Amino acid sequence: MCLASVGAFTFLMVLLVGLVGPGSGMGDEPVPAGTAVVQVRTGDTLWGLAERFAPASDPRLVVDRIAQMNGLNGVTAEVGRPLVVPMERP
């Protein structure tokens, strides 16, 4: 009986953290859902683009999303290349 109670309590706590914890969809998405297409300029870095277009988000997560959306293997992109980047809504 005690083990079942502990299991039920643990399940409810995990459920509660999922509903109200970080990244729960309550207005604090880890990476913005909106996107923009930008052309890489000399001196641009993925980190800099992340900070420019999603300043309220964790730049590490945004850089990962940029790389994923554009099929990049590293953290650099060629000058002149168009990139899809996550962007916060104005």
C-alpha atoms as a PDB file:
ATOM      1  CA  MET A   1       0.000   0.000   0.000  1.00  0.00           C
ATOM      2  CA  CYS A   2       2.811   2.409   0.884  1.00  0.00           C
ATOM      3  CA  LEU A   3       4.625   1.687  -2.386  1.00  0.00           C
ATOM      4  CA  ALA A   4       1.460   2.424  -4.382  1.00  0.00           C
ATOM      5  CA  SER A   5       1.063   5.743  -2.551  1.00  0.00           C
ATOM      6  CA  VAL A   6       4.666   6.726  -3.287  1.00  0.00           C
ATOM      7  CA  GLY A   7       4.187   5.774  -6.951  1.00  0.00           C
ATOM      8  CA  ALA A   8       0.969   7.801  -7.216  1.00  0.00           C
ATOM      9  CA  PHE A   9       2.596  10.803  -5.518  1.00  0.00           C
ATOM     10  CA  THR A  10       5.617  10.632  -7.852  1.00  0.00           C
ATOM     11  CA  PHE A  11       3.359  10.408 -10.909  1.00  0.00           C
ATOM     12  CA  LEU A  12       1.363  13.464  -9.798  1.00  0.00           C
ATOM     13  CA  MET A  13       4.528  15.480  -9.140  1.00  0.00           C
ATOM     14  CA  VAL A  14       5.935  14.676 -12.585  1.00  0.00           C
ATOM     15  CA  LEU A  15       2.596  15.605 -14.135  1.00  0.00           C
ATOM     16  CA  LEU A  16       2.501  18.888 -12.203  1.00  0.00           C
ATOM     17  CA  VAL A  17       6.055  19.823 -13.218  1.00  0.00           C
ATOM     18  CA  GLY A  18       5.155  19.079 -16.838  1.00  0.00           C
ATOM     19  CA  LEU A  19       2.132  21.378 -16.644  1.00  0.00           C
ATOM     20  CA  VAL A  20       3.672  24.369 -14.890  1.00  0.00           C
ATOM     21  CA  GLY A  21       7.430  23.813 -15.121  1.00  0.00           C
ATOM     22  CA  PRO A  22       9.958  25.353 -17.494  1.00  0.00           C
ATOM     23  CA  GLY A  23       8.972  25.231 -21.146  1.00  0.00           C
ATOM     24  CA  SER A  24       5.423  24.256 -20.251  1.00  0.00           C
ATOM     25  CA  GLY A  25       3.900  26.367 -23.005  1.00  0.00           C
ATOM     26  CA  MET A  26       2.785  29.045 -20.557  1.00  0.00           C
ATOM     27  CA  GLY A  27       4.308  31.825 -22.660  1.00  0.00           C
ATOM     28  CA  ASP A  28       7.930  30.895 -22.126  1.00  0.00           C
ATOM     29  CA  GLU A  29       8.725  28.618 -25.032  1.00  0.00           C
ATOM     30  CA  PRO A  30      12.413  27.641 -25.090  1.00  0.00           C
ATOM     31  CA  VAL A  31      12.669  28.693 -28.759  1.00  0.00           C
ATOM     32  CA  PRO A  32      10.189  30.981 -30.549  1.00  0.00           C
ATOM     33  CA  ALA A  33       7.807  29.299 -33.000  1.00  0.00           C
ATOM     34  CA  GLY A  34       7.916  32.182 -35.488  1.00  0.00           C
ATOM     35  CA  THR A  35      10.580  32.230 -38.189  1.00  0.00           C
ATOM     36  CA  ALA A  36      12.317  34.662 -40.498  1.00  0.00           C
ATOM     37  CA  VAL A  37      14.622  34.170 -43.475  1.00  0.00           C
ATOM     38  CA  VAL A  38      17.858  36.138 -43.220  1.00  0.00           C
ATOM     39  CA  GLN A  39      20.898  36.347 -45.448  1.00  0.00           C
ATOM     40  CA  VAL A  40      24.201  35.709 -43.685  1.00  0.00           C
ATOM     41  CA  ARG A  41      26.407  38.807 -43.748  1.00  0.00           C
ATOM     42  CA  THR A  42      30.121  39.119 -43.139  1.00  0.00           C
ATOM     43  CA  GLY A  43      30.745  38.842 -39.407  1.00  0.00           C
ATOM     44  CA  ASP A  44      27.451  37.073 -38.648  1.00  0.00           C
ATOM     45  CA  THR A  45      27.543  34.086 -36.341  1.00  0.00           C
ATOM     46  CA  LEU A  46      24.720  31.732 -35.450  1.00  0.00           C
ATOM     47  CA  TRP A  47      25.063  32.923 -31.852  1.00  0.00           C
ATOM     48  CA  GLY A  48      24.721  36.554 -32.962  1.00  0.00           C
ATOM     49  CA  LEU A  49      21.682  35.735 -35.102  1.00  0.00           C
ATOM     50  CA  ALA A  50      20.129  33.897 -32.161  1.00  0.00           C
ATOM     51  CA  GLU A  51      20.634  36.904 -29.897  1.00  0.00           C
ATOM     52  CA  ARG A  52      19.318  39.336 -32.533  1.00  0.00           C
ATOM     53  CA  PHE A  53      16.149  37.474 -33.528  1.00  0.00           C
ATOM     54  CA  ALA A  54      15.293  35.706 -30.248  1.00  0.00           C
ATOM     55  CA  PRO A  55      16.812  37.836 -27.480  1.00  0.00           C
ATOM     56  CA  ALA A  56      14.569  36.438 -24.724  1.00  0.00           C
ATOM     57  CA  SER A  57      15.499  32.813 -25.489  1.00  0.00           C
ATOM     58  CA  ASP A  58      18.515  30.738 -24.515  1.00  0.00           C
ATOM     59  CA  PRO A  59      20.943  31.352 -27.421  1.00  0.00           C
ATOM     60  CA  ARG A  60      22.287  27.780 -27.178  1.00  0.00           C
ATOM     61  CA  LEU A  61      18.841  26.384 -27.906  1.00  0.00           C
ATOM     62  CA  VAL A  62      18.253  28.873 -30.713  1.00  0.00           C
ATOM     63  CA  VAL A  63      21.623  28.062 -32.334  1.00  0.00           C
ATOM     64  CA  ASP A  64      20.744  24.362 -32.189  1.00  0.00           C
ATOM     65  CA  ARG A  65      17.368  25.068 -33.815  1.00  0.00           C
ATOM     66  CA  ILE A  66      18.964  27.204 -36.562  1.00  0.00           C
ATOM     67  CA  ALA A  67      21.422  24.404 -37.346  1.00  0.00           C
ATOM     68  CA  GLN A  68      18.601  21.846 -37.376  1.00  0.00           C
ATOM     69  CA  MET A  69      16.263  23.902 -39.592  1.00  0.00           C
ATOM     70  CA  ASN A  70      19.005  24.629 -42.126  1.00  0.00           C
ATOM     71  CA  GLY A  71      20.835  21.293 -42.178  1.00  0.00           C
ATOM     72  CA  LEU A  72      24.042  22.754 -40.777  1.00  0.00           C
ATOM     73  CA  ASN A  73      26.660  20.483 -39.234  1.00  0.00           C
ATOM     74  CA  GLY A  74      28.573  23.214 -37.438  1.00  0.00           C
ATOM     75  CA  VAL A  75      27.947  26.631 -35.979  1.00  0.00           C
ATOM     76  CA  THR A  76      28.976  28.616 -39.036  1.00  0.00           C
ATOM     77  CA  ALA A  77      27.286  29.451 -42.315  1.00  0.00           C
ATOM     78  CA  GLU A  78      28.645  30.851 -45.543  1.00  0.00           C
ATOM     79  CA  VAL A  79      28.277  34.570 -46.229  1.00  0.00           C
ATOM     80  CA  GLY A  80      25.334  35.167 -48.564  1.00  0.00           C
ATOM     81  CA  ARG A  81      23.513  31.985 -47.604  1.00  0.00           C
ATOM     82  CA  PRO A  82      19.853  32.432 -46.645  1.00  0.00           C
ATOM     83  CA  LEU A  83      18.991  30.923 -43.260  1.00  0.00           C
ATOM     84  CA  VAL A  84      15.689  30.247 -41.584  1.00  0.00           C
ATOM     85  CA  VAL A  85      15.934  31.484 -37.988  1.00  0.00           C
ATOM     86  CA  PRO A  86      13.518  31.388 -35.052  1.00  0.00           C
ATOM     87  CA  MET A  87      12.128  34.840 -34.390  1.00  0.00           C
ATOM     88  CA  GLU A  88      10.168  36.320 -31.529  1.00  0.00           C
ATOM     89  CA  ARG A  89       6.963  38.064 -32.483  1.00  0.00           C
ATOM     90  CA  PRO A  90       7.127  41.849 -32.188  1.00  0.00           C
END
